[in-house]
PDB file of N, CA and C in Angstrom:
ATOM      1  N   MET A   1       0.910  -0.670   0.225  1.00  0.00           N
ATOM      2  CA  MET A   1       0.300  -0.199   0.150  1.00  0.00           C
ATOM      3  C   MET A   1       1.442   0.870  -0.122  1.00  0.00           C
ATOM      4  N   GLY A   2       0.348   2.378  -0.499  1.00  0.00           N
ATOM      5  CA  GLY A   2       1.434   3.698  -0.555  1.00  0.00           C
ATOM      6  C   GLY A   2       1.775   4.740   0.405  1.00  0.00           C
ATOM      7  N   GLU A   3       2.392   4.794   0.284  1.00  0.00           N
ATOM      8  CA  GLU A   3       2.237   6.062   1.555  1.00  0.00           C
ATOM      9  C   GLU A   3       1.208   6.998   1.905  1.00  0.00           C
ATOM     10  N   LYS A   4       0.492   7.459   0.455  1.00  0.00           N
ATOM     11  CA  LYS A   4      -0.684   7.977   0.795  1.00  0.00           C
ATOM     12  C   LYS A   4      -1.608   7.350   1.056  1.00  0.00           C
ATOM     13  N   ALA A   5      -1.344   6.746  -0.088  1.00  0.00           N
ATOM     14  CA  ALA A   5      -3.461   5.260   0.578  1.00  0.00           C
ATOM     15  C   ALA A   5      -2.994   6.076   2.106  1.00  0.00           C
ATOM     16  N   ARG A   6      -1.896   5.437   2.863  1.00  0.00           N
ATOM     17  CA  ARG A   6      -1.679   4.707   3.889  1.00  0.00           C
ATOM     18  C   ARG A   6      -2.231   6.717   4.957  1.00  0.00           C
ATOM     19  N   ASP A   7      -2.095   7.162   4.772  1.00  0.00           N
ATOM     20  CA  ASP A   7      -2.533   8.991   4.911  1.00  0.00           C
ATOM     21  C   ASP A   7      -4.107   8.799   4.661  1.00  0.00           C
ATOM     22  N   ASN A   8      -3.828   8.670   3.391  1.00  0.00           N
ATOM     23  CA  ASN A   8      -5.928   8.968   3.702  1.00  0.00           C
ATOM     24  C   ASN A   8      -6.093   8.109   4.657  1.00  0.00           C
ATOM     25  N   ARG A   9      -5.993   7.018   4.345  1.00  0.00           N
ATOM     26  CA  ARG A   9      -7.036   6.441   5.646  1.00  0.00           C
ATOM     27  C   ARG A   9      -7.016   5.750   6.743  1.00  0.00           C
ATOM     28  N   HIS A  10      -6.017   6.516   7.396  1.00  0.00           N
ATOM     29  CA  HIS A  10      -6.041   6.763   8.569  1.00  0.00           C
ATOM     30  C   HIS A  10      -6.570   8.471   9.185  1.00  0.00           C
ATOM     31  N   HIS A  11      -6.467   9.371   8.539  1.00  0.00           N
ATOM     32  CA  HIS A  11      -7.300  11.113   8.802  1.00  0.00           C
ATOM     33  C   HIS A  11      -8.902  10.536   7.834  1.00  0.00           C
ATOM     34  N   SER A  12      -9.230   9.383   7.589  1.00  0.00           N
ATOM     35  CA  SER A  12     -11.150   8.703   8.137  1.00  0.00           C
ATOM     36  C   SER A  12     -11.036   8.208   8.527  1.00  0.00           C
ATOM     37  N   GLN A  13     -10.155   7.774   9.132  1.00  0.00           N
ATOM     38  CA  GLN A  13     -10.544   7.129  10.573  1.00  0.00           C
ATOM     39  C   GLN A  13     -10.078   7.969  11.609  1.00  0.00           C
ATOM     40  N   ARG A  14      -9.700   8.825  12.077  1.00  0.00           N
ATOM     41  CA  ARG A  14      -9.431  10.187  12.989  1.00  0.00           C
ATOM     42  C   ARG A  14     -10.891  10.745  11.765  1.00  0.00           C
ATOM     43  N   GLY A  15     -11.299  10.964  11.586  1.00  0.00           N
ATOM     44  CA  GLY A  15     -12.579  11.785  11.326  1.00  0.00           C
ATOM     45  C   GLY A  15     -13.009  11.327  11.433  1.00  0.00           C
ATOM     46  N   ALA A  16     -13.402   9.703  11.451  1.00  0.00           N
ATOM     47  CA  ALA A  16     -14.770   8.982  11.819  1.00  0.00           C
ATOM     48  C   ALA A  16     -15.024   8.913  13.738  1.00  0.00           C
ATOM     49  N   SER A  17     -13.833   9.031  13.776  1.00  0.00           N
ATOM     50  CA  SER A  17     -14.226   9.347  16.016  1.00  0.00           C
ATOM     51  C   SER A  17     -14.241  11.026  16.323  1.00  0.00           C
ATOM     52  N   ALA A  18     -14.464  11.487  15.671  1.00  0.00           N
ATOM     53  CA  ALA A  18     -14.177  13.047  14.738  1.00  0.00           C
ATOM     54  C   ALA A  18     -16.088  13.432  15.793  1.00  0.00           C
ATOM     55  N   VAL A  19     -16.511  12.470  15.038  1.00  0.00           N
ATOM     56  CA  VAL A  19     -17.877  12.566  14.335  1.00  0.00           C
ATOM     57  C   VAL A  19     -18.575  11.526  15.210  1.00  0.00           C
ATOM     58  N   GLU A  20     -17.518  10.770  15.907  1.00  0.00           N
ATOM     59  CA  GLU A  20     -17.935   9.653  16.449  1.00  0.00           C
ATOM     60  C   GLU A  20     -18.411   9.976  18.300  1.00  0.00           C
ATOM     61  N   TYR A  21     -17.281  10.969  18.546  1.00  0.00           N
ATOM     62  CA  TYR A  21     -16.736  11.721  20.029  1.00  0.00           C
ATOM     63  C   TYR A  21     -18.368  12.860  19.775  1.00  0.00           C
ATOM     64  N   ALA A  22     -18.252  13.618  18.422  1.00  0.00           N
ATOM     65  CA  ALA A  22     -19.550  14.692  18.308  1.00  0.00           C
ATOM     66  C   ALA A  22     -20.499  14.298  18.657  1.00  0.00           C
ATOM     67  N   LEU A  23     -21.040  12.839  18.199  1.00  0.00           N
ATOM     68  CA  LEU A  23     -22.749  12.688  18.501  1.00  0.00           C
ATOM     69  C   LEU A  23     -22.313  11.873  20.199  1.00  0.00           C
ATOM     70  N   LEU A  24     -21.975  11.866  20.582  1.00  0.00           N
ATOM     71  CA  LEU A  24     -21.366  11.137  21.828  1.00  0.00           C
ATOM     72  C   LEU A  24     -21.317  12.725  22.503  1.00  0.00           C
ATOM     73  N   ILE A  25     -21.524  13.643  22.493  1.00  0.00           N
ATOM     74  CA  ILE A  25     -21.288  14.653  23.696  1.00  0.00           C
ATOM     75  C   ILE A  25     -22.743  14.847  23.217  1.00  0.00           C
ATOM     76  N   ALA A  26     -23.575  15.339  21.069  1.00  0.00           N
ATOM     77  CA  ALA A  26     -23.793  15.947  21.644  1.00  0.00           C
ATOM     78  C   ALA A  26     -25.756  15.221  21.870  1.00  0.00           C
ATOM     79  N   GLY A  27     -25.121  13.350  22.560  1.00  0.00           N
ATOM     80  CA  GLY A  27     -26.635  13.111  23.545  1.00  0.00           C
ATOM     81  C   GLY A  27     -25.937  12.693  24.813  1.00  0.00           C
ATOM     82  N   ILE A  28     -25.460  13.002  25.354  1.00  0.00           N
ATOM     83  CA  ILE A  28     -25.569  13.935  26.708  1.00  0.00           C
ATOM     84  C   ILE A  28     -25.444  14.494  27.198  1.00  0.00           C
ATOM     85  N   ALA A  29     -25.668  16.313  26.419  1.00  0.00           N
ATOM     86  CA  ALA A  29     -26.272  17.370  25.906  1.00  0.00           C
ATOM     87  C   ALA A  29     -27.805  16.811  26.113  1.00  0.00           C
ATOM     88  N   ALA A  30     -28.411  16.384  25.520  1.00  0.00           N
ATOM     89  CA  ALA A  30     -29.777  16.099  25.310  1.00  0.00           C
ATOM     90  C   ALA A  30     -30.549  15.726  26.794  1.00  0.00           C
ATOM     91  N   VAL A  31     -29.408  14.526  27.181  1.00  0.00           N
ATOM     92  CA  VAL A  31     -29.519  13.902  28.790  1.00  0.00           C
ATOM     93  C   VAL A  31     -30.228  14.963  29.169  1.00  0.00           C
ATOM     94  N   ILE A  32     -29.136  15.602  29.222  1.00  0.00           N
ATOM     95  CA  ILE A  32     -29.019  16.290  30.506  1.00  0.00           C
ATOM     96  C   ILE A  32     -30.128  17.831  30.689  1.00  0.00           C
ATOM     97  N   VAL A  33     -30.263  18.404  29.043  1.00  0.00           N
ATOM     98  CA  VAL A  33     -31.505  18.324  28.803  1.00  0.00           C
ATOM     99  C   VAL A  33     -32.845  18.110  29.237  1.00  0.00           C
ATOM    100  N   ILE A  34     -33.417  16.876  28.898  1.00  0.00           N
ATOM    101  CA  ILE A  34     -34.301  16.505  29.111  1.00  0.00           C
ATOM    102  C   ILE A  34     -34.942  16.683  30.454  1.00  0.00           C
ATOM    103  N   ALA A  35     -33.782  15.524  31.203  1.00  0.00           N
ATOM    104  CA  ALA A  35     -33.537  15.510  32.764  1.00  0.00           C
ATOM    105  C   ALA A  35     -33.991  17.365  33.558  1.00  0.00           C
ATOM    106  N   VAL A  36     -33.236  18.013  32.991  1.00  0.00           N
ATOM    107  CA  VAL A  36     -33.192  19.266  33.817  1.00  0.00           C
ATOM    108  C   VAL A  36     -35.373  19.939  33.777  1.00  0.00           C
ATOM    109  N   PHE A  37     -35.559  19.744  32.223  1.00  0.00           N
ATOM    110  CA  PHE A  37     -36.828  19.716  32.141  1.00  0.00           C
ATOM    111  C   PHE A  37     -37.675  18.901  33.054  1.00  0.00           C
ATOM    112  N   ALA A  38     -37.510  17.996  33.143  1.00  0.00           N
ATOM    113  CA  ALA A  38     -38.005  17.442  34.035  1.00  0.00           C
ATOM    114  C   ALA A  38     -37.883  16.904  35.564  1.00  0.00           C
ATOM    115  N   LEU A  39     -36.602  17.496  35.759  1.00  0.00           N
ATOM    116  CA  LEU A  39     -36.738  17.300  37.407  1.00  0.00           C
ATOM    117  C   LEU A  39     -36.597  19.746  37.483  1.00  0.00           C
ATOM    118  N   GLY A  40     -36.715  19.638  37.255  1.00  0.00           N
ATOM    119  CA  GLY A  40     -36.939  21.509  36.477  1.00  0.00           C
ATOM    120  C   GLY A  40     -37.947  21.774  37.969  1.00  0.00           C
ATOM    121  N   PRO A  41     -39.276  21.318  37.459  1.00  0.00           N
ATOM    122  CA  PRO A  41     -40.590  21.830  37.930  1.00  0.00           C
ATOM    123  C   PRO A  41     -40.780  21.170  39.913  1.00  0.00           C
ATOM    124  N   PRO A  42     -40.243  19.742  40.211  1.00  0.00           N
ATOM    125  CA  PRO A  42     -40.216  19.449  41.191  1.00  0.00           C
ATOM    126  C   PRO A  42     -39.346  19.625  42.238  1.00  0.00           C
ATOM    127  N   VAL A  43     -38.197  20.602  41.776  1.00  0.00           N
ATOM    128  CA  VAL A  43     -36.730  20.703  42.585  1.00  0.00           C
ATOM    129  C   VAL A  43     -37.316  22.049  42.878  1.00  0.00           C
ATOM    130  N   LYS A  44     -37.959  22.501  42.407  1.00  0.00           N
ATOM    131  CA  LYS A  44     -37.848  23.799  42.140  1.00  0.00           C
ATOM    132  C   LYS A  44     -39.020  23.886  43.711  1.00  0.00           C
ATOM    133  N   GLU A  45     -40.200  23.211  42.691  1.00  0.00           N
ATOM    134  CA  GLU A  45     -41.579  23.247  44.593  1.00  0.00           C
ATOM    135  C   GLU A  45     -40.936  22.746  45.927  1.00  0.00           C
ATOM    136  N   MET A  46     -39.819  21.902  45.624  1.00  0.00           N
ATOM    137  CA  MET A  46     -38.859  21.301  46.941  1.00  0.00           C
ATOM    138  C   MET A  46     -38.298  22.913  47.456  1.00  0.00           C
ATOM    139  N   PHE A  47     -38.184  23.425  47.574  1.00  0.00           N
ATOM    140  CA  PHE A  47     -37.236  24.847  47.527  1.00  0.00           C
ATOM    141  C   PHE A  47     -38.373  25.453  47.440  1.00  0.00           C
ATOM    142  N   THR A  48     -39.209  26.183  46.692  1.00  0.00           N
ATOM    143  CA  THR A  48     -40.808  26.368  47.857  1.00  0.00           C
ATOM    144  C   THR A  48     -41.446  26.235  49.145  1.00  0.00           C
ATOM    145  N   ASP A  49     -40.787  25.264  49.112  1.00  0.00           N
ATOM    146  CA  ASP A  49     -41.955  24.621  50.577  1.00  0.00           C
ATOM    147  C   ASP A  49     -41.154  24.723  51.740  1.00  0.00           C
ATOM    148  N   THR A  50     -40.037  24.371  51.379  1.00  0.00           N
ATOM    149  CA  THR A  50     -38.789  24.972  51.988  1.00  0.00           C
ATOM    150  C   THR A  50     -38.647  26.072  52.667  1.00  0.00           C
ATOM    151  N   CYS A  51     -38.962  27.007  51.833  1.00  0.00           N
ATOM    152  CA  CYS A  51     -38.916  29.036  52.632  1.00  0.00           C
ATOM    153  C   CYS A  51     -40.028  29.323  52.906  1.00  0.00           C
ATOM    154  N   ASP A  52     -41.914  27.986  52.459  1.00  0.00           N
ATOM    155  CA  ASP A  52     -42.863  28.540  52.914  1.00  0.00           C
ATOM    156  C   ASP A  52     -43.183  28.121  54.124  1.00  0.00           C
ATOM    157  N   GLU A  53     -42.485  27.416  54.775  1.00  0.00           N
ATOM    158  CA  GLU A  53     -42.283  26.670  55.634  1.00  0.00           C
ATOM    159  C   GLU A  53     -40.807  27.652  56.849  1.00  0.00           C
ATOM    160  N   PHE A  54     -39.325  28.068  56.294  1.00  0.00           N
ATOM    161  CA  PHE A  54     -38.897  28.867  57.340  1.00  0.00           C
ATOM    162  C   PHE A  54     -40.191  30.318  56.925  1.00  0.00           C
ATOM    163  N   ASP A  55     -40.148  30.303  56.612  1.00  0.00           N
ATOM    164  CA  ASP A  55     -40.847  32.053  56.397  1.00  0.00           C
ATOM    165  C   ASP A  55     -43.407  31.549  57.818  1.00  0.00           C
ATOM    166  N   ALA A  56     -43.722  30.295  58.093  1.00  0.00           N
ATOM    167  CA  ALA A  56     -44.196  29.909  58.533  1.00  0.00           C
ATOM    168  C   ALA A  56     -43.078  29.948  59.939  1.00  0.00           C
ATOM    169  N   GLN A  57     -42.188  29.643  60.279  1.00  0.00           N
ATOM    170  CA  GLN A  57     -41.586  29.399  61.820  1.00  0.00           C
ATOM    171  C   GLN A  57     -40.854  30.923  62.317  1.00  0.00           C
ATOM    172  N   ALA A  58     -40.935  31.862  61.476  1.00  0.00           N
ATOM    173  CA  ALA A  58     -39.592  32.970  61.257  1.00  0.00           C
ATOM    174  C   ALA A  58     -40.279  33.723  61.797  1.00  0.00           C
ATOM    175  N   SER A  59     -39.797  34.663  63.071  1.00  0.00           N
ATOM    176  CA  SER A  59     -40.715  35.939  63.097  1.00  0.00           C
ATOM    177  C   SER A  59     -40.910  37.381  63.070  1.00  0.00           C
ATOM    178  N   VAL A  60     -39.450  36.717  61.757  1.00  0.00           N
ATOM    179  CA  VAL A  60     -38.796  38.022  61.178  1.00  0.00           C
ATOM    180  C   VAL A  60     -39.962  37.716  59.140  1.00  0.00           C
ATOM    181  N   THR A  61     -39.986  38.336  58.688  1.00  0.00           N
ATOM    182  CA  THR A  61     -40.712  38.494  57.554  1.00  0.00           C
ATOM    183  C   THR A  61     -39.381  38.188  56.760  1.00  0.00           C
ATOM    184  N   ALA A  62     -38.865  37.406  55.530  1.00  0.00           N
ATOM    185  CA  ALA A  62     -37.913  36.988  54.968  1.00  0.00           C
ATOM    186  C   ALA A  62     -38.753  37.024  53.816  1.00  0.00           C
ATOM    187  N   THR A  63     -37.736  37.401  51.937  1.00  0.00           N
ATOM    188  CA  THR A  63     -37.667  36.840  51.166  1.00  0.00           C
ATOM    189  C   THR A  63     -37.213  35.835  50.850  1.00  0.00           C
ATOM    190  N   CYS A  64     -37.301  34.159  50.265  1.00  0.00           N
ATOM    191  CA  CYS A  64     -37.041  33.754  49.876  1.00  0.00           C
ATOM    192  C   CYS A  64     -35.744  33.898  48.265  1.00  0.00           C
TER     193      CYS A  64
END
């Protein structure tokens, strides 16, 4: 096999690896976005409930 053919094959394998990593990163980002949207409202509700409990027990009115 010629030197140029070997270099071209190695370059195409590097390009394929870069595409695979890009797809992997895009998949991980999608999972994170879905998790944030799915867990956002319950977490916000927990913080709101905690803040309301502090307000109910505190002698000084404060905002959370």
